[in-house]
Amino acid sequence: LSLYGTEILLGIIILLFLIEKIRNNFSNLFIKHFDKKRLTKILLSFFGILSLYLFTSTNHAVTWQYLNWLISGCCLIFIILQSRLNFKKLSLAIWGGGVLQAMLGIWQFFLQYIPANKWLGMAVQDPYQLGVAVVEVGDERWLRAYGAFGWPNSLGIYLAAVFILGVILICQNKTSKIKTLLLIGQIMILLGLFFSFARGAWLALIVGLLILIIKKNTGKLFWQQIGVYALIIFILLVIFKPLIFSRFDLNNRLEKMSLSQRTN
């Protein structure tokens, strides 16, 4: 079994939440949201799922690990629903996490090596080892950014979603200083997304922006942002042109292997 830094942080959050609610009569919280029949059904369903997991599991240690994450996730959902945080503050928290992941990904790409970090759940990733996600250009193997995720595609799709959230936050903010800080963070997220070389995530980002345009959630500020992002993408395309062409070359050895494995 493993214990990660995020789990310790989540444990502290749950503990502080319980302390606050016990001080403010915790029982009233459940009475307010659940009647006895509903609470009984929820508990029976939970223990039913728990029993099913354990009886059908071929590795109980791994099952307990995942159940721990499932229970912690349910606790976090409940805490968010009960919190006094508004949508804007929650969005900023998620977006801020994306900026940190992007910065980590940028550092990994330029270092071309990912050292192990037990607390972030990061394994060693060396581009010259087989099984590591790379972009191959001739005899060179370029490491793709992982962030604190297990695979670059996971980092990419997370950053794509966070980037769209950032576009909306900039459009909604009225303070110029906050807009500037958000824009700097957005540039970091865009760079992290680029260095993940996740084609599906790039496509998701384009679709997300198109949805904003179709829904007419755009204005002068939106198009100003698009102009800045387009300029950055153009510069990256010029600098890393061989990597981009290699990633989209379906005759490339690694890309052919990837498509073959996915088909199988």
Protein backbone atom coordinates (compact mmCIF):
# COMPACT_ATOMS: atom_id res chain seq x y z
CA LEU A 1 0.00 0.00 0.00
CA SER A 2 1.14 3.54 -0.77
CA LEU A 3 0.52 6.87 0.89
CA TYR A 4 0.91 10.05 -1.16
CA GLY A 5 1.16 13.73 -0.26
CA THR A 6 -2.27 14.48 -1.74
CA GLU A 7 -3.84 11.81 0.50
CA ILE A 8 -2.25 13.33 3.61
CA LEU A 9 -3.54 16.77 2.55
CA LEU A 10 -7.02 15.33 1.94
CA GLY A 11 -6.93 13.57 5.34
CA ILE A 12 -6.14 16.89 7.05
CA ILE A 13 -9.03 18.58 5.19
CA ILE A 14 -11.48 15.83 6.25
CA LEU A 15 -10.25 15.99 9.86
CA LEU A 16 -10.61 19.79 10.03
CA PHE A 17 -14.09 19.53 8.48
CA LEU A 18 -15.15 16.96 11.10
CA ILE A 19 -13.78 19.10 13.95
CA GLU A 20 -15.70 22.14 12.67
CA LYS A 21 -18.96 20.20 12.23
CA ILE A 22 -18.73 18.40 15.59
CA ARG A 23 -18.32 21.79 17.25
CA ASN A 24 -21.40 23.01 15.35
CA ASN A 25 -23.59 19.96 16.10
CA PHE A 26 -22.60 17.46 13.39
CA SER A 27 -25.78 15.37 13.79
CA ASN A 28 -27.96 18.20 12.50
CA LEU A 29 -26.02 18.15 9.24
CA PHE A 30 -27.17 14.59 8.47
CA ILE A 31 -30.70 15.16 9.75
CA LYS A 32 -30.92 18.13 7.40
CA HIS A 33 -29.86 16.18 4.29
CA PHE A 34 -30.88 12.56 4.95
CA ASP A 35 -33.94 10.94 6.46
CA LYS A 36 -33.46 7.56 8.18
CA LYS A 37 -34.66 5.48 5.20
CA ARG A 38 -32.40 7.27 2.74
CA LEU A 39 -29.38 7.04 5.07
CA THR A 40 -30.03 3.29 5.59
CA LYS A 41 -30.18 2.72 1.82
CA ILE A 42 -26.93 4.64 1.30
CA LEU A 43 -25.10 2.69 4.02
CA LEU A 44 -26.43 -0.67 2.76
CA SER A 45 -25.43 0.21 -0.81
CA PHE A 46 -21.97 1.26 0.36
CA PHE A 47 -21.33 -1.93 2.35
CA GLY A 48 -22.80 -3.98 -0.52
CA ILE A 49 -20.31 -2.45 -2.97
CA LEU A 50 -17.51 -2.90 -0.43
CA SER A 51 -18.35 -6.61 0.00
CA LEU A 52 -18.58 -7.11 -3.78
CA TYR A 53 -15.16 -5.51 -4.27
CA LEU A 54 -13.54 -7.66 -1.60
CA PHE A 55 -15.11 -10.99 -2.60
CA THR A 56 -14.38 -10.57 -6.32
CA SER A 57 -10.90 -9.08 -5.86
CA THR A 58 -7.81 -11.09 -6.81
CA ASN A 59 -5.57 -8.67 -4.88
CA HIS A 60 -7.06 -7.39 -1.63
CA ALA A 61 -4.22 -4.92 -0.96
CA VAL A 62 -4.81 -3.14 -4.28
CA THR A 63 -8.59 -3.21 -3.66
CA TRP A 64 -8.18 -1.55 -0.26
CA GLN A 65 -5.99 1.10 -1.88
CA TYR A 66 -8.65 1.97 -4.47
CA LEU A 67 -11.47 1.84 -1.90
CA ASN A 68 -9.51 4.29 0.22
CA TRP A 69 -9.38 6.68 -2.75
CA LEU A 70 -13.09 6.13 -3.47
CA ILE A 71 -14.10 6.88 0.13
CA SER A 72 -11.77 9.91 0.28
CA GLY A 73 -13.25 11.18 -3.00
CA CYS A 74 -16.81 10.86 -1.65
CA CYS A 75 -15.74 12.75 1.49
CA LEU A 76 -14.22 15.51 -0.63
CA ILE A 77 -17.43 15.86 -2.68
CA PHE A 78 -19.46 16.16 0.53
CA ILE A 79 -17.04 18.76 1.95
CA ILE A 80 -17.18 20.86 -1.25
CA LEU A 81 -21.00 20.74 -1.22
CA GLN A 82 -21.00 21.87 2.42
CA SER A 83 -18.29 24.52 1.99
CA ARG A 84 -18.83 28.25 1.81
CA LEU A 85 -16.64 28.48 -1.30
CA ASN A 86 -18.34 29.90 -4.38
CA PHE A 87 -17.82 28.63 -7.92
CA LYS A 88 -15.21 31.27 -8.69
CA LYS A 89 -13.00 30.32 -5.72
CA LEU A 90 -13.30 26.59 -6.49
CA SER A 91 -12.45 27.28 -10.14
CA LEU A 92 -9.38 29.27 -9.11
CA ALA A 93 -8.23 26.40 -6.87
CA ILE A 94 -8.56 23.87 -9.72
CA TRP A 95 -6.91 26.30 -12.15
CA GLY A 96 -4.04 26.94 -9.71
CA GLY A 97 -3.43 23.18 -9.51
CA GLY A 98 -3.21 23.16 -13.31
CA VAL A 99 -0.56 25.90 -13.28
CA LEU A 100 1.58 23.87 -10.85
CA GLN A 101 1.22 20.73 -12.97
CA ALA A 102 2.13 22.70 -16.11
CA MET A 103 5.25 24.17 -14.48
CA LEU A 104 6.29 20.68 -13.37
CA GLY A 105 5.73 19.39 -16.93
CA ILE A 106 7.78 22.24 -18.49
CA TRP A 107 10.66 21.53 -16.08
CA GLN A 108 10.51 17.80 -16.94
CA PHE A 109 10.63 18.47 -20.69
CA PHE A 110 13.66 20.76 -20.53
CA LEU A 111 15.41 18.49 -18.03
CA GLN A 112 14.60 15.48 -20.27
CA TYR A 113 14.46 13.30 -17.19
CA ILE A 114 11.89 12.73 -14.44
CA PRO A 115 13.32 11.86 -11.01
CA ALA A 116 11.32 9.66 -8.64
CA ASN A 117 9.18 11.38 -6.02
CA LYS A 118 7.36 9.07 -3.62
CA TRP A 119 5.04 11.76 -2.20
CA LEU A 120 3.83 12.88 -5.64
CA GLY A 121 3.61 9.27 -6.85
CA MET A 122 6.17 9.91 -9.60
CA ALA A 123 8.34 7.10 -10.98
CA VAL A 124 11.68 7.61 -12.73
CA GLN A 125 11.20 8.34 -16.43
CA ASP A 126 14.30 8.19 -18.66
CA PRO A 127 13.72 8.76 -22.41
CA TYR A 128 16.35 6.12 -23.25
CA GLN A 129 14.42 3.40 -21.40
CA LEU A 130 11.77 1.40 -23.26
CA GLY A 131 8.18 1.99 -22.23
CA VAL A 132 8.69 5.70 -21.52
CA ALA A 133 6.50 8.13 -23.50
CA VAL A 134 8.73 9.92 -26.02
CA VAL A 135 8.66 11.65 -29.39
CA GLU A 136 11.19 10.07 -31.74
CA VAL A 137 13.06 12.21 -34.26
CA GLY A 138 15.67 10.20 -36.15
CA ASP A 139 17.90 8.65 -33.48
CA GLU A 140 16.78 11.12 -30.81
CA ARG A 141 14.16 10.34 -28.17
CA TRP A 142 12.48 13.39 -26.63
CA LEU A 143 10.73 12.85 -23.29
CA ARG A 144 7.12 14.04 -23.16
CA ALA A 145 5.95 15.95 -20.07
CA TYR A 146 4.22 13.79 -17.45
CA GLY A 147 3.58 16.29 -14.64
CA ALA A 148 2.64 14.29 -11.54
CA PHE A 149 0.46 11.99 -13.68
CA GLY A 150 1.21 8.44 -14.78
CA TRP A 151 1.14 9.25 -18.50
CA PRO A 152 1.46 12.44 -20.66
CA ASN A 153 -2.06 12.04 -22.11
CA SER A 154 -3.51 12.30 -18.59
CA LEU A 155 -1.58 15.53 -18.00
CA GLY A 156 -2.65 16.84 -21.40
CA ILE A 157 -6.40 16.29 -20.99
CA TYR A 158 -6.31 17.78 -17.47
CA LEU A 159 -4.47 20.89 -18.70
CA ALA A 160 -6.84 21.23 -21.68
CA ALA A 161 -9.86 21.33 -19.33
CA VAL A 162 -8.11 23.72 -16.92
CA PHE A 163 -7.06 25.98 -19.81
CA ILE A 164 -10.70 26.40 -20.93
CA LEU A 165 -11.61 27.22 -17.33
CA GLY A 166 -8.84 29.85 -17.32
CA VAL A 167 -10.19 31.46 -20.50
CA ILE A 168 -13.59 31.84 -18.80
CA LEU A 169 -12.05 33.20 -15.56
CA ILE A 170 -10.13 35.90 -17.46
CA CYS A 171 -13.30 36.95 -19.29
CA GLN A 172 -15.22 37.15 -15.98
CA ASN A 173 -12.60 39.12 -13.99
CA LYS A 174 -12.68 42.91 -13.97
CA THR A 175 -9.41 43.65 -12.18
CA SER A 176 -6.49 44.19 -14.58
CA LYS A 177 -3.86 42.83 -12.14
CA ILE A 178 -5.78 39.56 -11.66
CA LYS A 179 -6.25 39.29 -15.44
CA THR A 180 -2.50 39.69 -15.95
CA LEU A 181 -1.72 36.98 -13.36
CA LEU A 182 -4.30 34.68 -14.91
CA LEU A 183 -2.86 35.28 -18.38
CA ILE A 184 0.67 34.41 -17.17
CA GLY A 185 -0.73 31.23 -15.63
CA GLN A 186 -2.58 30.45 -18.86
CA ILE A 187 0.67 30.72 -20.82
CA MET A 188 2.28 28.24 -18.39
CA ILE A 189 -0.67 25.84 -18.85
CA LEU A 190 -0.44 26.18 -22.65
CA LEU A 191 3.29 25.37 -22.57
CA GLY A 192 2.69 22.37 -20.31
CA LEU A 193 -0.07 21.15 -22.63
CA PHE A 194 2.19 21.58 -25.65
CA PHE A 195 5.07 19.63 -24.07
CA SER A 196 2.74 16.74 -23.18
CA PHE A 197 2.48 16.17 -26.98
CA ALA A 198 -0.98 14.69 -26.34
CA ARG A 199 -2.81 14.99 -29.67
CA GLY A 200 -6.18 14.09 -28.15
CA ALA A 201 -5.75 16.84 -25.54
CA TRP A 202 -4.88 19.38 -28.24
CA LEU A 203 -8.05 18.36 -30.08
CA ALA A 204 -10.06 18.66 -26.84
CA LEU A 205 -8.74 22.20 -26.35
CA ILE A 206 -9.75 23.23 -29.89
CA VAL A 207 -13.23 21.71 -29.41
CA GLY A 208 -13.59 23.51 -26.06
CA LEU A 209 -12.74 26.88 -27.62
CA LEU A 210 -15.13 26.23 -30.51
CA ILE A 211 -17.93 25.48 -28.01
CA LEU A 212 -17.26 28.84 -26.28
CA ILE A 213 -17.49 30.58 -29.69
CA ILE A 214 -20.69 28.72 -30.67
CA LYS A 215 -22.28 29.48 -27.29
CA LYS A 216 -21.30 33.12 -27.87
CA ASN A 217 -19.44 33.30 -24.54
CA THR A 218 -16.93 35.55 -26.25
CA GLY A 219 -16.05 39.21 -26.40
CA LYS A 220 -13.14 41.55 -27.06
CA LEU A 221 -11.16 40.06 -24.15
CA PHE A 222 -11.68 36.51 -25.45
CA TRP A 223 -10.26 37.35 -28.88
CA GLN A 224 -7.35 39.24 -27.34
CA GLN A 225 -6.51 36.08 -25.41
CA ILE A 226 -6.76 33.96 -28.56
CA GLY A 227 -4.32 36.33 -30.27
CA VAL A 228 -1.74 35.91 -27.46
CA TYR A 229 -2.14 32.12 -27.42
CA ALA A 230 -1.90 31.90 -31.22
CA LEU A 231 1.38 33.86 -31.17
CA ILE A 232 2.85 31.52 -28.52
CA ILE A 233 1.74 28.43 -30.46
CA PHE A 234 3.30 29.85 -33.64
CA ILE A 235 6.64 30.39 -31.84
CA LEU A 236 6.53 26.85 -30.41
CA LEU A 237 5.74 25.39 -33.84
CA VAL A 238 8.75 27.16 -35.34
CA ILE A 239 11.13 26.07 -32.55
CA PHE A 240 9.88 22.48 -32.18
CA LYS A 241 8.85 21.86 -35.79
CA PRO A 242 10.65 18.46 -36.06
CA LEU A 243 8.90 17.14 -32.95
CA ILE A 244 5.47 18.24 -34.19
CA PHE A 245 5.98 16.69 -37.64
CA SER A 246 7.23 13.48 -36.03
CA ARG A 247 4.19 13.33 -33.74
CA PHE A 248 1.80 13.61 -36.70
CA ASP A 249 3.79 11.34 -39.03
CA LEU A 250 1.80 8.07 -39.05
CA ASN A 251 4.72 6.32 -40.79
CA ASN A 252 6.95 7.07 -37.81
CA ARG A 253 8.03 3.84 -36.06
CA LEU A 254 6.66 4.81 -32.63
CA GLU A 255 3.40 6.20 -34.02
CA LYS A 256 2.80 3.03 -36.07
CA MET A 257 3.47 0.94 -32.96
CA SER A 258 1.11 3.12 -30.90
CA LEU A 259 -1.72 2.82 -33.45
CA SER A 260 -1.17 -0.94 -33.72
CA GLN A 261 -1.31 -1.43 -29.94
CA ARG A 262 -4.48 0.66 -29.66
CA THR A 263 -6.15 -1.29 -32.47
CA ASN A 264 -5.29 -4.58 -30.74
